[in-house]
Amino acid sequence: MKHLRGDFFEFRAGIKKRVLYLKREGAILYLLYGSHDDVRRFLKSF
C-alpha cells in the first residue's frame, strides 16, 4: 500500500496492475484497476 496524495492510496494487484482507492471516514472507495499510467492519468483529473 502506498499513500499518493490527500486521501488517495494504491496497492499492486500483480506485476503490472494497481488498484487506486480513496479512504474517507471509515470507508474505502475503490476507484480504478489499471496500470501505473492509468493511475497517473486518473489523478491528473483531480
N, C-alpha and C. Protein backbone atom coordinates (compact mmCIF):
# COMPACT_ATOMS: atom_id res chain seq x y z
N MET A 1 0.84 -1.18 0.00
CA MET A 1 0.00 0.00 0.00
C MET A 1 0.88 1.24 0.00
N LYS A 2 0.46 2.20 -0.75
CA LYS A 2 1.25 3.42 -0.89
C LYS A 2 0.32 4.63 -0.87
N HIS A 3 0.66 5.60 -0.04
CA HIS A 3 -0.09 6.86 0.00
C HIS A 3 0.36 7.70 -1.17
N LEU A 4 -0.57 8.21 -1.96
CA LEU A 4 -0.22 9.01 -3.13
C LEU A 4 -0.35 10.50 -2.82
N ARG A 5 -1.53 10.93 -2.42
CA ARG A 5 -1.76 12.32 -2.01
C ARG A 5 -3.16 12.43 -1.45
N GLY A 6 -3.34 13.35 -0.54
CA GLY A 6 -4.67 13.53 0.06
C GLY A 6 -5.19 12.23 0.63
N ASP A 7 -6.37 11.83 0.19
CA ASP A 7 -6.99 10.59 0.64
C ASP A 7 -6.79 9.44 -0.34
N PHE A 8 -5.94 9.63 -1.36
CA PHE A 8 -5.72 8.61 -2.38
C PHE A 8 -4.57 7.67 -2.01
N PHE A 9 -4.82 6.37 -2.21
CA PHE A 9 -3.83 5.34 -1.95
C PHE A 9 -3.86 4.34 -3.11
N GLU A 10 -2.81 3.54 -3.23
CA GLU A 10 -2.79 2.48 -4.22
C GLU A 10 -2.09 1.26 -3.66
N PHE A 11 -2.38 0.11 -4.27
CA PHE A 11 -1.63 -1.10 -3.98
C PHE A 11 -1.52 -1.90 -5.27
N ARG A 12 -0.51 -2.75 -5.32
CA ARG A 12 -0.29 -3.57 -6.51
C ARG A 12 -1.18 -4.80 -6.47
N ALA A 13 -1.73 -5.11 -7.62
CA ALA A 13 -2.59 -6.29 -7.75
C ALA A 13 -1.97 -7.26 -8.75
N GLY A 14 -0.68 -7.22 -8.90
CA GLY A 14 0.05 -8.04 -9.85
C GLY A 14 1.29 -7.27 -10.29
N ILE A 15 2.00 -7.80 -11.25
CA ILE A 15 3.23 -7.15 -11.70
C ILE A 15 2.94 -5.81 -12.36
N LYS A 16 1.90 -5.75 -13.20
CA LYS A 16 1.64 -4.53 -13.96
C LYS A 16 0.36 -3.81 -13.57
N LYS A 17 -0.43 -4.36 -12.69
CA LYS A 17 -1.72 -3.76 -12.35
C LYS A 17 -1.72 -3.19 -10.95
N ARG A 18 -2.46 -2.10 -10.78
CA ARG A 18 -2.58 -1.42 -9.49
C ARG A 18 -4.05 -1.11 -9.22
N VAL A 19 -4.36 -0.97 -7.96
CA VAL A 19 -5.71 -0.60 -7.54
C VAL A 19 -5.60 0.74 -6.83
N LEU A 20 -6.37 1.70 -7.30
CA LEU A 20 -6.41 3.03 -6.69
C LEU A 20 -7.66 3.11 -5.84
N TYR A 21 -7.51 3.59 -4.61
CA TYR A 21 -8.67 3.71 -3.73
C TYR A 21 -8.59 4.98 -2.91
N LEU A 22 -9.72 5.33 -2.34
CA LEU A 22 -9.88 6.56 -1.58
C LEU A 22 -10.36 6.17 -0.19
N LYS A 23 -9.70 6.69 0.84
CA LYS A 23 -10.11 6.43 2.22
C LYS A 23 -10.84 7.65 2.75
N ARG A 24 -12.09 7.45 3.18
CA ARG A 24 -12.90 8.54 3.70
C ARG A 24 -13.73 8.05 4.88
N GLU A 25 -13.61 8.70 6.01
CA GLU A 25 -14.47 8.49 7.18
C GLU A 25 -14.82 7.03 7.42
N GLY A 26 -13.83 6.18 7.51
CA GLY A 26 -14.06 4.78 7.81
C GLY A 26 -14.51 3.94 6.63
N ALA A 27 -14.53 4.50 5.43
CA ALA A 27 -14.94 3.76 4.23
C ALA A 27 -13.80 3.76 3.22
N ILE A 28 -13.75 2.73 2.42
CA ILE A 28 -12.79 2.65 1.33
C ILE A 28 -13.57 2.57 0.03
N LEU A 29 -13.26 3.48 -0.90
CA LEU A 29 -13.90 3.51 -2.21
C LEU A 29 -12.88 3.11 -3.26
N TYR A 30 -13.10 1.98 -3.91
CA TYR A 30 -12.20 1.53 -4.97
C TYR A 30 -12.54 2.30 -6.24
N LEU A 31 -11.53 2.96 -6.81
CA LEU A 31 -11.77 3.86 -7.94
C LEU A 31 -11.29 3.32 -9.28
N LEU A 32 -10.18 2.59 -9.27
CA LEU A 32 -9.57 2.22 -10.55
C LEU A 32 -8.73 0.97 -10.41
N TYR A 33 -8.80 0.12 -11.43
CA TYR A 33 -7.91 -1.03 -11.57
C TYR A 33 -7.23 -0.85 -12.91
N GLY A 34 -5.91 -0.67 -12.91
CA GLY A 34 -5.22 -0.43 -14.16
C GLY A 34 -3.72 -0.34 -13.97
N SER A 35 -3.05 0.14 -15.00
CA SER A 35 -1.59 0.25 -14.99
C SER A 35 -1.15 1.51 -14.25
N HIS A 36 0.15 1.64 -14.07
CA HIS A 36 0.72 2.83 -13.45
C HIS A 36 0.30 4.08 -14.22
N ASP A 37 0.36 4.01 -15.56
CA ASP A 37 -0.03 5.15 -16.39
C ASP A 37 -1.52 5.49 -16.24
N ASP A 38 -2.36 4.47 -16.10
CA ASP A 38 -3.79 4.70 -15.88
C ASP A 38 -4.02 5.47 -14.59
N VAL A 39 -3.29 5.09 -13.53
CA VAL A 39 -3.42 5.77 -12.24
C VAL A 39 -2.99 7.22 -12.37
N ARG A 40 -1.86 7.47 -13.04
CA ARG A 40 -1.37 8.85 -13.21
C ARG A 40 -2.38 9.69 -13.98
N ARG A 41 -2.94 9.15 -15.06
CA ARG A 41 -3.93 9.89 -15.85
C ARG A 41 -5.17 10.21 -15.02
N PHE A 42 -5.62 9.25 -14.24
CA PHE A 42 -6.80 9.45 -13.40
C PHE A 42 -6.55 10.56 -12.38
N LEU A 43 -5.39 10.55 -11.73
CA LEU A 43 -5.09 11.55 -10.70
C LEU A 43 -4.92 12.95 -11.27
N LYS A 44 -4.50 13.06 -12.52
CA LYS A 44 -4.37 14.38 -13.15
C LYS A 44 -5.71 15.08 -13.29
N SER A 45 -6.79 14.31 -13.33
CA SER A 45 -8.12 14.91 -13.48
C SER A 45 -8.63 15.52 -12.17
N PHE A 46 -7.90 15.32 -11.06
CA PHE A 46 -8.30 15.90 -9.76
C PHE A 46 -7.42 17.04 -9.40
